[in-house]
């Protein structure tokens, strides 16, 4: 499943943690390179379909913590928002390093891939 993307909005709920992480990194990089003046809203869902804690939200918060990126939780806690002032070229560079081949292999080596 691919993320549902609209300008300034990324819908990750119903995804696995690793796929959500990858989609979030791409969206952060793209929004930062775009030098957006609007915040990025990341819809994580509230974890209704997760065993235990909401896995997608945990993955999103983990990525943001790794990038030292402050976020604001929605009142229902089903989404997080990244302020436009943090969507900078510096962030784009940090994200690009996380998207390097070595990092991709480290995080995604367990995902089944289909050879075409």
Protein backbone atom coordinates (compact mmCIF):
# COMPACT_ATOMS: atom_id res chain seq x y z
CA UNK A 1 0.00 0.00 0.00
CA UNK A 2 1.21 3.48 -0.81
CA UNK A 3 0.68 6.52 1.33
CA UNK A 4 -2.25 8.72 0.47
CA UNK A 5 -0.59 12.03 -0.27
CA UNK A 6 -2.15 15.42 -0.77
CA UNK A 7 -0.32 18.72 -0.48
CA UNK A 8 0.79 19.17 3.12
CA UNK A 9 -0.95 15.93 4.20
CA UNK A 10 0.30 12.36 4.46
CA UNK A 11 -2.05 9.51 5.42
CA UNK A 12 -0.10 6.57 6.88
CA UNK A 13 -2.73 4.76 8.89
CA UNK A 14 -3.27 1.09 8.01
CA UNK A 15 0.42 0.76 7.00
CA UNK A 16 3.14 -1.30 8.58
CA UNK A 17 5.74 0.55 10.65
CA UNK A 18 8.61 0.19 8.15
CA UNK A 19 6.50 1.29 5.17
CA UNK A 20 5.14 4.25 7.14
CA UNK A 21 8.71 5.23 8.08
CA UNK A 22 9.84 5.19 4.46
CA UNK A 23 6.81 7.20 3.25
CA UNK A 24 7.28 9.72 6.06
CA UNK A 25 10.94 10.23 5.17
CA UNK A 26 10.06 10.83 1.52
CA UNK A 27 7.30 13.30 2.46
CA UNK A 28 9.55 15.20 4.90
CA UNK A 29 12.30 15.46 2.30
CA UNK A 30 9.91 16.59 -0.43
CA UNK A 31 8.13 19.16 1.78
CA UNK A 32 11.50 20.50 2.99
CA UNK A 33 12.84 20.81 -0.55
CA UNK A 34 9.62 22.56 -1.56
CA UNK A 35 10.26 25.10 1.26
CA UNK A 36 6.60 24.84 2.14
CA UNK A 37 4.96 27.63 4.07
CA UNK A 38 2.32 25.25 5.43
CA UNK A 39 2.78 22.56 8.09
CA UNK A 40 2.84 18.88 7.17
CA UNK A 41 0.00 16.91 8.75
CA UNK A 42 0.81 13.21 9.15
CA UNK A 43 -2.21 11.00 9.78
CA UNK A 44 -1.18 8.00 11.86
CA UNK A 45 -4.52 6.73 13.09
CA UNK A 46 -5.07 5.99 16.77
CA UNK A 47 -3.96 2.37 16.70
CA UNK A 48 -7.37 0.72 16.62
CA UNK A 49 -5.99 -2.13 14.51
CA UNK A 50 -2.66 -2.48 16.34
CA UNK A 51 -1.91 -5.10 18.95
CA UNK A 52 -1.01 -2.93 21.92
CA UNK A 53 0.33 0.57 21.24
CA UNK A 54 -0.30 2.32 17.90
CA UNK A 55 2.63 1.13 15.75
CA UNK A 56 2.47 3.73 12.98
CA UNK A 57 2.30 6.61 15.44
CA UNK A 58 5.26 5.16 17.37
CA UNK A 59 7.25 4.89 14.14
CA UNK A 60 6.42 8.48 13.14
CA UNK A 61 7.38 9.81 16.57
CA UNK A 62 10.58 7.74 16.49
CA UNK A 63 11.61 9.22 13.12
CA UNK A 64 10.84 12.73 14.33
CA UNK A 65 12.85 12.15 17.50
CA UNK A 66 15.75 10.76 15.45
CA UNK A 67 15.67 13.94 13.35
CA UNK A 68 15.17 16.14 16.45
CA UNK A 69 12.03 17.39 14.78
CA UNK A 70 9.38 18.79 17.13
CA UNK A 71 5.81 17.75 16.39
CA UNK A 72 2.40 18.62 17.71
CA UNK A 73 -0.10 15.84 18.44
CA UNK A 74 -3.71 16.34 17.42
CA UNK A 75 -6.32 16.34 20.18
CA UNK A 76 -7.56 12.88 19.19
CA UNK A 77 -3.91 11.79 18.83
CA UNK A 78 -4.65 10.36 15.36
CA UNK A 79 -2.23 12.71 13.62
CA UNK A 80 0.89 14.75 14.18
CA UNK A 81 1.85 18.06 12.66
CA UNK A 82 5.29 19.27 11.66
CA UNK A 83 5.59 23.05 11.59
CA UNK A 84 6.65 24.60 8.28
CA UNK A 85 9.48 26.45 10.05
CA UNK A 86 11.20 23.08 10.56
CA UNK A 87 10.82 21.99 6.92
CA UNK A 88 14.22 23.32 5.85
CA UNK A 89 17.00 22.36 3.45
CA UNK A 90 18.97 21.18 6.50
CA UNK A 91 16.17 18.73 7.29
CA UNK A 92 16.11 17.60 3.64
CA UNK A 93 19.82 16.77 3.92
CA UNK A 94 19.33 14.84 7.16
CA UNK A 95 16.49 12.86 5.62
CA UNK A 96 18.49 12.15 2.48
CA UNK A 97 21.23 10.59 4.63
CA UNK A 98 18.60 8.35 6.24
CA UNK A 99 17.47 7.36 2.76
CA UNK A 100 20.99 6.30 1.77
CA UNK A 101 21.39 2.76 0.54
CA UNK A 102 23.04 1.56 3.75
CA UNK A 103 20.27 2.94 5.95
CA UNK A 104 17.59 1.56 3.66
CA UNK A 105 19.12 -1.91 3.91
CA UNK A 106 19.36 -1.64 7.69
CA UNK A 107 15.69 -0.69 8.12
CA UNK A 108 14.05 -2.57 5.29
CA UNK A 109 16.03 -5.78 4.78
CA UNK A 110 13.24 -7.80 6.40
CA UNK A 111 10.55 -6.60 3.99
CA UNK A 112 9.63 -9.04 1.22
CA UNK A 113 10.45 -7.58 -2.18
CA UNK A 114 8.99 -8.63 -5.48
CA UNK A 115 11.49 -8.88 -8.32
CA UNK A 116 10.02 -7.64 -11.54
